[in-house]
Amino acid sequence: MKIILQGRPGVGKSTILKKIYTLLESKNPRGCIVEEERENGDRIGFRIKYLPEGGSTQLASTKEALSNVFLSKYSINIKAIENELIPYMFNMSSESDHGVFIFDEIGRMQQKSDKFIPAVDHIMSISKPVIATIVHNDEIWARKYKNNIENFVIAITEFNCNYIADTIKTMLEYYEKHNIYPYDLKNKLNLMTSASRESR
């Protein structure tokens, strides 16, 4: 089962993954979360935090030149992406003792390395459950993940962000018990997402 969370920046995708990590602690989850860095209320960068190892590395910064590659005002740490993040992704495997993987995120900063997409393809091929976040914008390179009918793509909004983690836990439990996708839950989520959009 592959579950992909998409939504506008700041809607709470990474927070949901953190909650999922805690809810699924018994399954020995492994993965990474992108955390914001702020100074006087302004966002100045991002760090990748590896779980359960606990280490972290700078992904992007407005305060220092991490490389000559930029996305908007952020200098991207290409060296960390290629020497730390991507090897970490390739070390995720179906044979490991981890029951579920989380990944934050299939994003534009990470995609600045041409080695990133093959690593994403690898984690999406793992037979164990993977829960990932993805860029909100309609990036051409991201469509193959968003449009893959074998992936559960869930739109995160301010209307559903508080209960999505618990619903995903239920979906995984259903899948493990019956070995089929819980389409009734997916349809319920889609209806709720559509209703939230119509209420704006």
C-alpha atoms as a PDB file:
ATOM      1  CA  MET A   1       0.000   0.000   0.000  1.00  0.00           C
ATOM      2  CA  LYS A   2       1.294   3.411  -0.988  1.00  0.00           C
ATOM      3  CA  ILE A   3      -0.396   6.500   0.487  1.00  0.00           C
ATOM      4  CA  ILE A   4       0.534   9.938  -0.821  1.00  0.00           C
ATOM      5  CA  LEU A   5      -0.492  13.131   0.953  1.00  0.00           C
ATOM      6  CA  GLN A   6      -0.741  16.332  -1.046  1.00  0.00           C
ATOM      7  CA  GLY A   7      -1.795  19.793   0.026  1.00  0.00           C
ATOM      8  CA  ARG A   8      -0.679  23.382   0.004  1.00  0.00           C
ATOM      9  CA  PRO A   9       2.435  24.358   2.010  1.00  0.00           C
ATOM     10  CA  GLY A  10       1.670  24.833   5.685  1.00  0.00           C
ATOM     11  CA  VAL A  11      -1.535  22.789   5.721  1.00  0.00           C
ATOM     12  CA  GLY A  12      -0.013  20.185   8.032  1.00  0.00           C
ATOM     13  CA  LYS A  13       1.307  17.290   5.919  1.00  0.00           C
ATOM     14  CA  SER A  14       4.527  16.891   7.915  1.00  0.00           C
ATOM     15  CA  THR A  15       2.601  17.171  11.189  1.00  0.00           C
ATOM     16  CA  ILE A  16       0.337  14.342  10.013  1.00  0.00           C
ATOM     17  CA  LEU A  17       3.370  12.165   9.258  1.00  0.00           C
ATOM     18  CA  LYS A  18       4.748  12.821  12.735  1.00  0.00           C
ATOM     19  CA  LYS A  19       1.439  11.699  14.245  1.00  0.00           C
ATOM     20  CA  ILE A  20       1.351   8.628  11.995  1.00  0.00           C
ATOM     21  CA  TYR A  21       4.875   7.748  13.119  1.00  0.00           C
ATOM     22  CA  THR A  22       3.711   7.785  16.738  1.00  0.00           C
ATOM     23  CA  LEU A  23       0.473   5.898  16.026  1.00  0.00           C
ATOM     24  CA  LEU A  24       2.371   3.150  14.190  1.00  0.00           C
ATOM     25  CA  GLU A  25       5.187   2.837  16.704  1.00  0.00           C
ATOM     26  CA  SER A  26       4.452  -0.870  17.186  1.00  0.00           C
ATOM     27  CA  LYS A  27       5.302  -1.446  13.498  1.00  0.00           C
ATOM     28  CA  ASN A  28       8.828  -0.087  13.946  1.00  0.00           C
ATOM     29  CA  PRO A  29       8.430   2.710  11.358  1.00  0.00           C
ATOM     30  CA  ARG A  30      11.371   4.317   9.614  1.00  0.00           C
ATOM     31  CA  GLY A  31      11.683   7.406   7.456  1.00  0.00           C
ATOM     32  CA  CYS A  32      12.285  11.125   7.468  1.00  0.00           C
ATOM     33  CA  ILE A  33      10.427  14.351   8.178  1.00  0.00           C
ATOM     34  CA  VAL A  34      11.164  17.840   6.848  1.00  0.00           C
ATOM     35  CA  GLU A  35      11.016  20.454   9.598  1.00  0.00           C
ATOM     36  CA  GLU A  36      10.894  24.216   9.200  1.00  0.00           C
ATOM     37  CA  GLU A  37      13.471  26.533  10.702  1.00  0.00           C
ATOM     38  CA  ARG A  38      12.194  29.930  11.802  1.00  0.00           C
ATOM     39  CA  GLU A  39      13.781  33.086  13.103  1.00  0.00           C
ATOM     40  CA  ASN A  40      11.673  35.909  14.549  1.00  0.00           C
ATOM     41  CA  GLY A  41       8.640  34.307  12.934  1.00  0.00           C
ATOM     42  CA  ASP A  42      10.190  34.144   9.460  1.00  0.00           C
ATOM     43  CA  ARG A  43      10.951  30.852   7.763  1.00  0.00           C
ATOM     44  CA  ILE A  44      14.684  30.701   7.075  1.00  0.00           C
ATOM     45  CA  GLY A  45      15.215  27.085   6.109  1.00  0.00           C
ATOM     46  CA  PHE A  46      14.384  23.399   6.335  1.00  0.00           C
ATOM     47  CA  ARG A  47      16.019  20.399   7.982  1.00  0.00           C
ATOM     48  CA  ILE A  48      15.605  16.699   7.235  1.00  0.00           C
ATOM     49  CA  LYS A  49      15.112  14.687  10.425  1.00  0.00           C
ATOM     50  CA  TYR A  50      15.731  10.936  10.213  1.00  0.00           C
ATOM     51  CA  LEU A  51      13.565   8.592  12.255  1.00  0.00           C
ATOM     52  CA  PRO A  52      14.092   6.653  14.437  1.00  0.00           C
ATOM     53  CA  GLU A  53      17.807   7.481  14.274  1.00  0.00           C
ATOM     54  CA  GLY A  54      17.185  11.068  15.361  1.00  0.00           C
ATOM     55  CA  GLY A  55      19.903  12.710  13.282  1.00  0.00           C
ATOM     56  CA  SER A  56      19.196  15.649  11.025  1.00  0.00           C
ATOM     57  CA  THR A  57      20.768  17.591   8.189  1.00  0.00           C
ATOM     58  CA  GLN A  58      20.203  20.974   6.581  1.00  0.00           C
ATOM     59  CA  LEU A  59      18.087  20.777   3.426  1.00  0.00           C
ATOM     60  CA  ALA A  60      17.779  24.442   2.510  1.00  0.00           C
ATOM     61  CA  SER A  61      18.591  27.864   3.924  1.00  0.00           C
ATOM     62  CA  THR A  62      18.133  31.566   3.295  1.00  0.00           C
ATOM     63  CA  LYS A  63      20.956  32.401   5.698  1.00  0.00           C
ATOM     64  CA  GLU A  64      23.890  30.552   4.136  1.00  0.00           C
ATOM     65  CA  ALA A  65      24.993  29.350   0.717  1.00  0.00           C
ATOM     66  CA  LEU A  66      24.711  25.566   0.815  1.00  0.00           C
ATOM     67  CA  SER A  67      25.333  25.265  -2.934  1.00  0.00           C
ATOM     68  CA  ASN A  68      24.871  27.283  -6.109  1.00  0.00           C
ATOM     69  CA  VAL A  69      21.458  25.639  -6.623  1.00  0.00           C
ATOM     70  CA  PHE A  70      18.456  27.681  -5.521  1.00  0.00           C
ATOM     71  CA  LEU A  71      14.698  27.332  -5.312  1.00  0.00           C
ATOM     72  CA  SER A  72      13.219  30.776  -4.877  1.00  0.00           C
ATOM     73  CA  LYS A  73      15.149  32.330  -1.966  1.00  0.00           C
ATOM     74  CA  TYR A  74      16.439  29.009  -0.621  1.00  0.00           C
ATOM     75  CA  SER A  75      19.930  27.656  -1.209  1.00  0.00           C
ATOM     76  CA  ILE A  76      19.629  23.876  -1.603  1.00  0.00           C
ATOM     77  CA  ASN A  77      22.012  21.448   0.074  1.00  0.00           C
ATOM     78  CA  ILE A  78      22.636  19.217  -2.944  1.00  0.00           C
ATOM     79  CA  LYS A  79      25.536  17.459  -1.203  1.00  0.00           C
ATOM     80  CA  ALA A  80      23.300  16.382   1.689  1.00  0.00           C
ATOM     81  CA  ILE A  81      20.577  15.212  -0.704  1.00  0.00           C
ATOM     82  CA  GLU A  82      22.963  13.080  -2.749  1.00  0.00           C
ATOM     83  CA  ASN A  83      25.288  11.854   0.011  1.00  0.00           C
ATOM     84  CA  GLU A  84      22.797  11.381   2.860  1.00  0.00           C
ATOM     85  CA  LEU A  85      19.138  11.431   1.823  1.00  0.00           C
ATOM     86  CA  ILE A  86      19.324   9.357  -1.356  1.00  0.00           C
ATOM     87  CA  PRO A  87      21.482   6.557   0.143  1.00  0.00           C
ATOM     88  CA  TYR A  88      19.072   6.535   3.102  1.00  0.00           C
ATOM     89  CA  MET A  89      16.175   6.052   0.655  1.00  0.00           C
ATOM     90  CA  PHE A  90      17.894   3.192  -1.141  1.00  0.00           C
ATOM     91  CA  ASN A  91      18.502   1.517   2.225  1.00  0.00           C
ATOM     92  CA  MET A  92      14.747   1.244   2.728  1.00  0.00           C
ATOM     93  CA  SER A  93      13.833  -2.291   1.700  1.00  0.00           C
ATOM     94  CA  SER A  94      11.140  -4.926   1.862  1.00  0.00           C
ATOM     95  CA  GLU A  95      13.540  -7.222   3.693  1.00  0.00           C
ATOM     96  CA  SER A  96      14.114  -4.890   6.641  1.00  0.00           C
ATOM     97  CA  ASP A  97      12.479  -5.322  10.049  1.00  0.00           C
ATOM     98  CA  HIS A  98      10.610  -2.042   9.644  1.00  0.00           C
ATOM     99  CA  GLY A  99       6.875  -2.542   9.111  1.00  0.00           C
ATOM    100  CA  VAL A 100       6.129   0.794   7.460  1.00  0.00           C
ATOM    101  CA  PHE A 101       8.078   3.646   5.880  1.00  0.00           C
ATOM    102  CA  ILE A 102       7.291   7.351   5.927  1.00  0.00           C
ATOM    103  CA  PHE A 103       8.840   9.898   3.606  1.00  0.00           C
ATOM    104  CA  ASP A 104       8.659  13.694   3.616  1.00  0.00           C
ATOM    105  CA  GLU A 105       8.751  14.778   0.918  1.00  0.00           C
ATOM    106  CA  ILE A 106       8.648  14.086  -2.821  1.00  0.00           C
ATOM    107  CA  GLY A 107       9.384  17.762  -3.275  1.00  0.00           C
ATOM    108  CA  ARG A 108      10.875  20.402  -5.529  1.00  0.00           C
ATOM    109  CA  MET A 109      13.910  21.026  -3.342  1.00  0.00           C
ATOM    110  CA  GLN A 110      14.884  17.370  -3.310  1.00  0.00           C
ATOM    111  CA  GLN A 111      14.180  17.065  -7.041  1.00  0.00           C
ATOM    112  CA  LYS A 112      16.926  19.586  -7.750  1.00  0.00           C
ATOM    113  CA  SER A 113      19.206  16.537  -7.701  1.00  0.00           C
ATOM    114  CA  ASP A 114      18.796  14.391 -10.809  1.00  0.00           C
ATOM    115  CA  LYS A 115      19.467  11.359  -8.617  1.00  0.00           C
ATOM    116  CA  PHE A 116      16.350  11.912  -6.524  1.00  0.00           C
ATOM    117  CA  ILE A 117      13.592  10.520  -8.770  1.00  0.00           C
ATOM    118  CA  PRO A 118      15.252   7.072  -9.120  1.00  0.00           C
ATOM    119  CA  ALA A 119      15.387   6.968  -5.311  1.00  0.00           C
ATOM    120  CA  VAL A 120      11.674   7.827  -5.109  1.00  0.00           C
ATOM    121  CA  ASP A 121      10.927   5.080  -7.629  1.00  0.00           C
ATOM    122  CA  HIS A 122      12.816   2.686  -5.353  1.00  0.00           C
ATOM    123  CA  ILE A 123      10.810   3.463  -2.211  1.00  0.00           C
ATOM    124  CA  MET A 124       7.562   3.309  -4.173  1.00  0.00           C
ATOM    125  CA  SER A 125       8.512  -0.215  -5.285  1.00  0.00           C
ATOM    126  CA  ILE A 126       8.924  -1.513  -1.723  1.00  0.00           C
ATOM    127  CA  SER A 127       6.344  -4.163  -0.917  1.00  0.00           C
ATOM    128  CA  LYS A 128       5.751  -2.761   2.567  1.00  0.00           C
ATOM    129  CA  PRO A 129       3.439   0.217   3.231  1.00  0.00           C
ATOM    130  CA  VAL A 130       4.866   3.635   2.385  1.00  0.00           C
ATOM    131  CA  ILE A 131       3.276   6.926   3.424  1.00  0.00           C
ATOM    132  CA  ALA A 132       4.734   9.965   1.674  1.00  0.00           C
ATOM    133  CA  THR A 133       4.024  13.618   1.110  1.00  0.00           C
ATOM    134  CA  ILE A 134       4.296  15.198  -2.326  1.00  0.00           C
ATOM    135  CA  VAL A 135       4.622  18.662  -3.830  1.00  0.00           C
ATOM    136  CA  HIS A 136       1.293  20.466  -4.111  1.00  0.00           C
ATOM    137  CA  ASN A 137       2.012  22.141  -7.445  1.00  0.00           C
ATOM    138  CA  ASP A 138       1.275  20.283 -10.673  1.00  0.00           C
ATOM    139  CA  GLU A 139       4.875  19.414 -11.449  1.00  0.00           C
ATOM    140  CA  ILE A 140       5.221  17.240 -14.570  1.00  0.00           C
ATOM    141  CA  TRP A 141       7.726  14.918 -12.873  1.00  0.00           C
ATOM    142  CA  ALA A 142       5.325  14.341  -9.935  1.00  0.00           C
ATOM    143  CA  ARG A 143       2.348  13.283 -12.062  1.00  0.00           C
ATOM    144  CA  LYS A 144       3.453   9.666 -12.340  1.00  0.00           C
ATOM    145  CA  TYR A 145       3.027   9.327  -8.578  1.00  0.00           C
ATOM    146  CA  LYS A 146      -0.161  11.350  -8.267  1.00  0.00           C
ATOM    147  CA  ASN A 147      -1.821   9.681 -11.268  1.00  0.00           C
ATOM    148  CA  ASN A 148      -0.808   6.109 -10.482  1.00  0.00           C
ATOM    149  CA  ILE A 149      -4.076   4.285  -9.753  1.00  0.00           C
ATOM    150  CA  GLU A 150      -2.241   1.935  -7.382  1.00  0.00           C
ATOM    151  CA  ASN A 151      -1.438   4.847  -5.047  1.00  0.00           C
ATOM    152  CA  PHE A 152      -3.870   6.319  -2.539  1.00  0.00           C
ATOM    153  CA  VAL A 153      -3.564  10.077  -3.080  1.00  0.00           C
ATOM    154  CA  ILE A 154      -5.235  12.051  -0.286  1.00  0.00           C
ATOM    155  CA  ALA A 155      -5.730  15.818  -0.513  1.00  0.00           C
ATOM    156  CA  ILE A 156      -4.973  17.392   2.869  1.00  0.00           C
ATOM    157  CA  THR A 157      -6.985  20.484   3.793  1.00  0.00           C
ATOM    158  CA  GLU A 158      -7.676  22.471   6.949  1.00  0.00           C
ATOM    159  CA  PHE A 159     -10.978  20.586   7.119  1.00  0.00           C
ATOM    160  CA  ASN A 160      -9.530  17.072   7.345  1.00  0.00           C
ATOM    161  CA  CYS A 161      -5.973  17.447   8.659  1.00  0.00           C
ATOM    162  CA  ASN A 162      -6.928  16.680  12.265  1.00  0.00           C
ATOM    163  CA  TYR A 163      -8.268  13.171  11.640  1.00  0.00           C
ATOM    164  CA  ILE A 164      -6.326  11.925   8.593  1.00  0.00           C
ATOM    165  CA  ALA A 165      -3.604  10.229  10.663  1.00  0.00           C
ATOM    166  CA  ASP A 166      -6.121   8.083  12.533  1.00  0.00           C
ATOM    167  CA  THR A 167      -7.895   7.216   9.276  1.00  0.00           C
ATOM    168  CA  ILE A 168      -4.623   6.134   7.659  1.00  0.00           C
ATOM    169  CA  LYS A 169      -3.879   3.910  10.660  1.00  0.00           C
ATOM    170  CA  THR A 170      -7.295   2.276  10.154  1.00  0.00           C
ATOM    171  CA  MET A 171      -6.610   1.863   6.435  1.00  0.00           C
ATOM    172  CA  LEU A 172      -3.314   0.100   7.110  1.00  0.00           C
ATOM    173  CA  GLU A 173      -4.884  -2.198   9.686  1.00  0.00           C
ATOM    174  CA  TYR A 174      -7.625  -3.108   7.198  1.00  0.00           C
ATOM    175  CA  TYR A 175      -5.072  -3.772   4.474  1.00  0.00           C
ATOM    176  CA  GLU A 176      -2.974  -6.001   6.732  1.00  0.00           C
ATOM    177  CA  LYS A 177      -6.022  -8.029   7.788  1.00  0.00           C
ATOM    178  CA  HIS A 178      -7.696  -8.431   4.384  1.00  0.00           C
ATOM    179  CA  ASN A 179      -4.820  -7.790   1.946  1.00  0.00           C
ATOM    180  CA  ILE A 180      -7.064  -5.529  -0.129  1.00  0.00           C
ATOM    181  CA  TYR A 181      -7.366  -1.765  -0.298  1.00  0.00           C
ATOM    182  CA  PRO A 182     -10.125  -0.277   1.878  1.00  0.00           C
ATOM    183  CA  TYR A 183     -11.839   1.562  -0.968  1.00  0.00           C
ATOM    184  CA  ASP A 184     -14.786   2.464   1.238  1.00  0.00           C
ATOM    185  CA  LEU A 185     -12.474   4.559   3.419  1.00  0.00           C
ATOM    186  CA  LYS A 186     -10.808   6.103   0.390  1.00  0.00           C
ATOM    187  CA  ASN A 187     -14.194   7.030  -1.081  1.00  0.00           C
ATOM    188  CA  LYS A 188     -15.219   8.533   2.249  1.00  0.00           C
ATOM    189  CA  LEU A 189     -12.044  10.629   2.283  1.00  0.00           C
ATOM    190  CA  ASN A 190     -12.654  11.746  -1.309  1.00  0.00           C
ATOM    191  CA  LEU A 191     -16.206  12.793  -0.463  1.00  0.00           C
ATOM    192  CA  MET A 192     -15.014  14.753   2.563  1.00  0.00           C
ATOM    193  CA  THR A 193     -12.285  16.414   0.505  1.00  0.00           C
ATOM    194  CA  SER A 194     -14.775  17.361  -2.225  1.00  0.00           C
ATOM    195  CA  ALA A 195     -17.172  18.751   0.347  1.00  0.00           C
ATOM    196  CA  SER A 196     -14.410  20.832   1.931  1.00  0.00           C
ATOM    197  CA  ARG A 197     -13.502  22.325  -1.453  1.00  0.00           C
ATOM    198  CA  GLU A 198     -17.154  23.154  -2.197  1.00  0.00           C
ATOM    199  CA  SER A 199     -17.544  24.908   1.152  1.00  0.00           C
ATOM    200  CA  ARG A 200     -14.774  27.425   0.430  1.00  0.00           C
END
